[in-house]
């Protein structure tokens, strides 16, 4: 699959999804695009680090694909700088990044060199948007796709071009996804690494006690029900 075709597929997920449920990961006519749990299509692209095949590049790692409206623009520049500074945090979590925007590879090289002294180590691809505004200019946005080692979509977020992404939140989500992928737990609102995680209501008291020797405690609710159960996690 070409990069352009890949962008068309994932764009459907952002702009044309219908509010209907489905029971499998197969894309149906009235539910185009990608849903959480779907395998992201493989593609080949020329990037700042050479030609890559998406799935081969990810290997067994987690991945994050970012789209940027345009090089040499203020909001994108702040995002590039923040992502570059957090490269060690992403690597520590076994996450590989890949970015794309509408500019050419030469512009990508020049922009990263002038912005972060060339410290951006991840591949950067270029593409031509299909959708344009009334003046013929490309319609751009800030997309985030988090992909698991199984190549399945774990999270997608679409920001308008005027709003920069919160990279602390992206790291927090990665931490949550990695913990919940390996253990039968969930993370509550505003959870941070080191906070307690939640025990699912479907788990019996006996099973919870066996799986979480650190202990399980519940928070009192006005209803008196005990389904808010927590266990420590480091």
Protein backbone atom coordinates (compact mmCIF):
# COMPACT_ATOMS: atom_id res chain seq x y z
CA UNK A 1 0.00 0.00 0.00
CA UNK A 2 1.25 3.50 -0.79
CA UNK A 3 1.47 6.20 1.87
CA UNK A 4 -1.17 8.23 0.03
CA UNK A 5 -3.60 5.29 0.12
CA UNK A 6 -2.83 4.74 3.80
CA UNK A 7 -3.66 8.38 4.56
CA UNK A 8 -6.96 8.04 2.71
CA UNK A 9 -7.88 4.99 4.78
CA UNK A 10 -7.07 6.52 8.16
CA UNK A 11 -8.68 9.83 7.16
CA UNK A 12 -11.99 7.98 6.83
CA UNK A 13 -11.68 7.01 10.46
CA UNK A 14 -11.43 10.65 11.43
CA UNK A 15 -14.02 12.21 9.17
CA UNK A 16 -16.65 9.72 8.04
CA UNK A 17 -17.30 7.18 10.78
CA UNK A 18 -20.97 6.48 11.38
CA UNK A 19 -22.21 6.05 14.98
CA UNK A 20 -23.00 2.36 14.68
CA UNK A 21 -21.63 -0.61 16.55
CA UNK A 22 -20.02 -3.64 15.00
CA UNK A 23 -18.98 -7.00 16.34
CA UNK A 24 -15.68 -7.56 14.52
CA UNK A 25 -12.69 -5.65 13.23
CA UNK A 26 -13.86 -5.97 9.63
CA UNK A 27 -14.63 -2.63 7.98
CA UNK A 28 -18.21 -2.56 6.70
CA UNK A 29 -19.74 -0.26 4.06
CA UNK A 30 -21.61 1.82 6.63
CA UNK A 31 -18.57 1.98 8.93
CA UNK A 32 -15.62 2.99 6.76
CA UNK A 33 -12.13 3.68 7.96
CA UNK A 34 -10.43 2.32 11.06
CA UNK A 35 -11.73 1.64 14.54
CA UNK A 36 -9.88 0.97 17.75
CA UNK A 37 -8.64 -2.61 17.56
CA UNK A 38 -8.25 -2.61 13.78
CA UNK A 39 -4.90 -3.49 12.22
CA UNK A 40 -3.34 -0.43 10.61
CA UNK A 41 -2.58 -1.00 6.92
CA UNK A 42 1.03 -1.49 5.99
CA UNK A 43 2.60 1.03 3.62
CA UNK A 44 5.91 1.94 2.04
CA UNK A 45 7.21 5.51 2.12
CA UNK A 46 10.27 7.62 1.43
CA UNK A 47 11.27 9.30 4.68
CA UNK A 48 14.07 11.37 6.15
CA UNK A 49 15.75 8.14 7.27
CA UNK A 50 15.29 6.32 3.96
CA UNK A 51 12.63 4.05 2.53
CA UNK A 52 10.59 2.22 5.16
CA UNK A 53 7.80 -0.30 5.32
CA UNK A 54 5.57 0.69 8.19
CA UNK A 55 5.05 -2.71 9.83
CA UNK A 56 8.69 -3.67 9.38
CA UNK A 57 9.78 -0.37 10.90
CA UNK A 58 7.60 -0.90 13.98
CA UNK A 59 8.70 -4.49 14.49
CA UNK A 60 7.58 -5.60 17.95
CA UNK A 61 7.53 -2.06 19.29
CA UNK A 62 4.70 0.27 20.12
CA UNK A 63 4.33 3.09 17.62
CA UNK A 64 2.96 6.61 17.36
CA UNK A 65 2.15 8.20 14.03
CA UNK A 66 1.79 11.98 14.02
CA UNK A 67 0.57 14.18 11.20
CA UNK A 68 1.63 17.83 11.09
CA UNK A 69 0.02 20.61 9.06
CA UNK A 70 3.26 22.15 7.76
CA UNK A 71 6.96 22.63 8.43
CA UNK A 72 8.27 26.01 9.57
CA UNK A 73 5.01 26.95 11.32
CA UNK A 74 4.79 28.13 14.94
CA UNK A 75 2.63 25.43 16.56
CA UNK A 76 4.35 22.60 14.68
CA UNK A 77 7.74 23.95 15.72
CA UNK A 78 6.79 23.78 19.41
CA UNK A 79 5.57 20.22 18.91
CA UNK A 80 8.75 19.18 17.11
CA UNK A 81 10.85 20.58 19.93
CA UNK A 82 8.77 18.88 22.61
CA UNK A 83 8.81 15.50 20.84
CA UNK A 84 12.59 15.74 20.34
CA UNK A 85 13.15 16.50 24.03
CA UNK A 86 11.01 13.50 24.96
CA UNK A 87 12.79 11.07 22.61
CA UNK A 88 14.38 9.31 25.58
CA UNK A 89 11.00 8.87 27.28
CA UNK A 90 9.49 7.31 24.17
CA UNK A 91 12.50 5.02 23.71
CA UNK A 92 12.33 3.98 27.36
CA UNK A 93 8.77 2.81 26.75
CA UNK A 94 9.69 0.93 23.58
CA UNK A 95 7.81 3.40 21.37
CA UNK A 96 8.87 4.33 17.84
CA UNK A 97 7.64 7.56 16.29
CA UNK A 98 6.91 8.38 12.68
CA UNK A 99 5.73 11.78 11.46
CA UNK A 100 4.34 13.12 8.23
CA UNK A 101 3.35 16.49 6.81
CA UNK A 102 2.72 18.07 3.44
CA UNK A 103 6.26 19.37 2.88
CA UNK A 104 9.08 17.64 1.00
CA UNK A 105 11.90 15.65 2.58
CA UNK A 106 14.37 18.48 1.97
CA UNK A 107 12.16 20.81 4.00
CA UNK A 108 11.86 18.20 6.78
CA UNK A 109 15.64 17.91 6.99
CA UNK A 110 16.13 21.67 7.00
CA UNK A 111 13.40 22.33 9.56
CA UNK A 112 14.59 19.74 12.06
CA UNK A 113 18.20 20.92 11.67
CA UNK A 114 17.26 24.53 12.31
CA UNK A 115 14.78 23.75 15.09
CA UNK A 116 16.30 20.93 17.15
CA UNK A 117 19.83 20.83 15.74
CA UNK A 118 19.02 17.66 13.83
CA UNK A 119 18.26 15.73 17.05
CA UNK A 120 15.00 14.36 15.60
CA UNK A 121 15.89 10.69 15.11
CA UNK A 122 12.61 9.32 13.77
CA UNK A 123 11.47 8.95 10.14
CA UNK A 124 9.49 11.81 8.63
CA UNK A 125 7.43 11.29 5.48
CA UNK A 126 5.65 13.67 3.14
CA UNK A 127 2.24 13.41 1.51
CA UNK A 128 -0.20 15.45 -0.56
CA UNK A 129 -3.60 16.09 1.10
CA UNK A 130 -6.60 15.20 -1.04
CA UNK A 131 -9.04 17.60 0.64
CA UNK A 132 -8.64 21.35 0.06
CA UNK A 133 -10.48 24.45 1.22
CA UNK A 134 -12.36 26.95 -0.97
CA UNK A 135 -9.08 28.70 -1.80
CA UNK A 136 -7.42 25.48 -2.93
CA UNK A 137 -5.19 25.18 0.13
CA UNK A 138 -4.68 21.79 1.80
CA UNK A 139 -6.95 21.00 4.74
CA UNK A 140 -4.63 19.89 7.49
CA UNK A 141 -4.98 18.69 11.06
CA UNK A 142 -2.95 17.20 13.89
CA UNK A 143 -3.60 13.45 14.14
CA UNK A 144 -2.21 11.06 16.72
CA UNK A 145 -2.39 7.30 16.21
CA UNK A 146 -1.00 4.99 18.90
CA UNK A 147 -0.33 1.49 17.60
CA UNK A 148 0.37 -1.62 19.67
CA UNK A 149 2.98 -4.31 18.96
CA UNK A 150 0.16 -6.26 17.31
CA UNK A 151 -0.15 -3.40 14.74
CA UNK A 152 -3.64 -2.62 16.02
CA UNK A 153 -4.92 0.88 16.64
CA UNK A 154 -5.06 1.57 20.38
CA UNK A 155 -5.92 5.28 20.34
CA UNK A 156 -6.62 8.03 17.83
CA UNK A 157 -7.01 11.75 18.46
CA UNK A 158 -7.64 14.56 15.98
CA UNK A 159 -6.63 18.10 16.93
CA UNK A 160 -7.38 21.22 14.87
CA UNK A 161 -4.39 22.92 13.29
CA UNK A 162 -4.68 25.75 15.83
CA UNK A 163 -4.24 23.50 18.90
CA UNK A 164 -0.89 21.97 19.77
CA UNK A 165 -0.79 18.48 21.23
CA UNK A 166 -0.16 17.72 24.90
CA UNK A 167 2.82 15.37 24.85
CA UNK A 168 2.62 14.75 28.59
CA UNK A 169 -0.85 13.35 27.97
CA UNK A 170 0.40 11.23 25.08
CA UNK A 171 3.04 9.68 27.35
CA UNK A 172 0.44 9.17 30.08
CA UNK A 173 -1.83 7.34 27.64
CA UNK A 174 1.06 5.15 26.47
CA UNK A 175 1.78 4.22 30.10
CA UNK A 176 -1.88 3.35 30.66
CA UNK A 177 -2.16 1.33 27.45
CA UNK A 178 0.97 -0.66 28.23
CA UNK A 179 -0.13 -1.45 31.79
CA UNK A 180 -3.66 -2.43 30.83
CA UNK A 181 -2.40 -4.53 27.91
CA UNK A 182 -0.46 -6.73 30.32
CA UNK A 183 -2.75 -6.81 33.34
CA UNK A 184 -6.47 -7.02 33.94
CA UNK A 185 -6.76 -3.50 35.29
CA UNK A 186 -7.95 -0.08 34.19
CA UNK A 187 -6.72 3.42 34.95
CA UNK A 188 -9.04 6.07 36.44
CA UNK A 189 -9.44 9.72 35.51
CA UNK A 190 -6.25 11.77 35.84
CA UNK A 191 -4.22 8.62 36.56
CA UNK A 192 -0.45 8.98 36.62
CA UNK A 193 2.27 6.33 36.78
CA UNK A 194 2.65 5.25 40.40
CA UNK A 195 -1.03 5.83 41.20
CA UNK A 196 -3.35 2.97 42.07
CA UNK A 197 -5.07 1.18 39.22
CA UNK A 198 -8.65 -0.09 39.14
CA UNK A 199 -9.84 -3.67 39.44
CA UNK A 200 -12.61 -4.52 36.91
CA UNK A 201 -16.08 -5.06 38.39
CA UNK A 202 -16.36 -8.44 36.64
CA UNK A 203 -13.51 -9.87 38.74
CA UNK A 204 -14.55 -11.75 41.87
CA UNK A 205 -13.17 -10.86 45.29
CA UNK A 206 -11.36 -14.20 45.43
CA UNK A 207 -9.70 -13.74 42.04
CA UNK A 208 -8.76 -10.16 42.84
CA UNK A 209 -7.12 -11.23 46.08
CA UNK A 210 -5.16 -13.89 44.21
CA UNK A 211 -4.03 -11.61 41.37
CA UNK A 212 -3.21 -8.58 43.50
CA UNK A 213 -1.33 -9.63 46.64
CA UNK A 214 -0.59 -5.96 47.36
CA UNK A 215 -4.21 -5.71 48.41
CA UNK A 216 -7.49 -4.41 47.01
CA UNK A 217 -9.49 -1.61 48.56
CA UNK A 218 -12.74 0.07 47.57
CA UNK A 219 -13.95 3.64 47.83
CA UNK A 220 -17.27 4.40 49.46
CA UNK A 221 -20.06 5.67 47.26
CA UNK A 222 -23.41 7.22 48.29
CA UNK A 223 -25.09 4.15 46.79
CA UNK A 224 -23.16 1.87 49.12
CA UNK A 225 -21.94 -0.20 46.17
CA UNK A 226 -18.33 -1.34 46.17
CA UNK A 227 -17.43 -1.40 42.49
CA UNK A 228 -14.72 1.26 42.74
CA UNK A 229 -11.91 -1.10 43.62
CA UNK A 230 -8.24 -0.15 43.53
CA UNK A 231 -4.91 -1.86 43.91
CA UNK A 232 -1.40 -0.35 44.16
CA UNK A 233 0.78 -0.36 41.06
CA UNK A 234 4.39 0.74 40.72
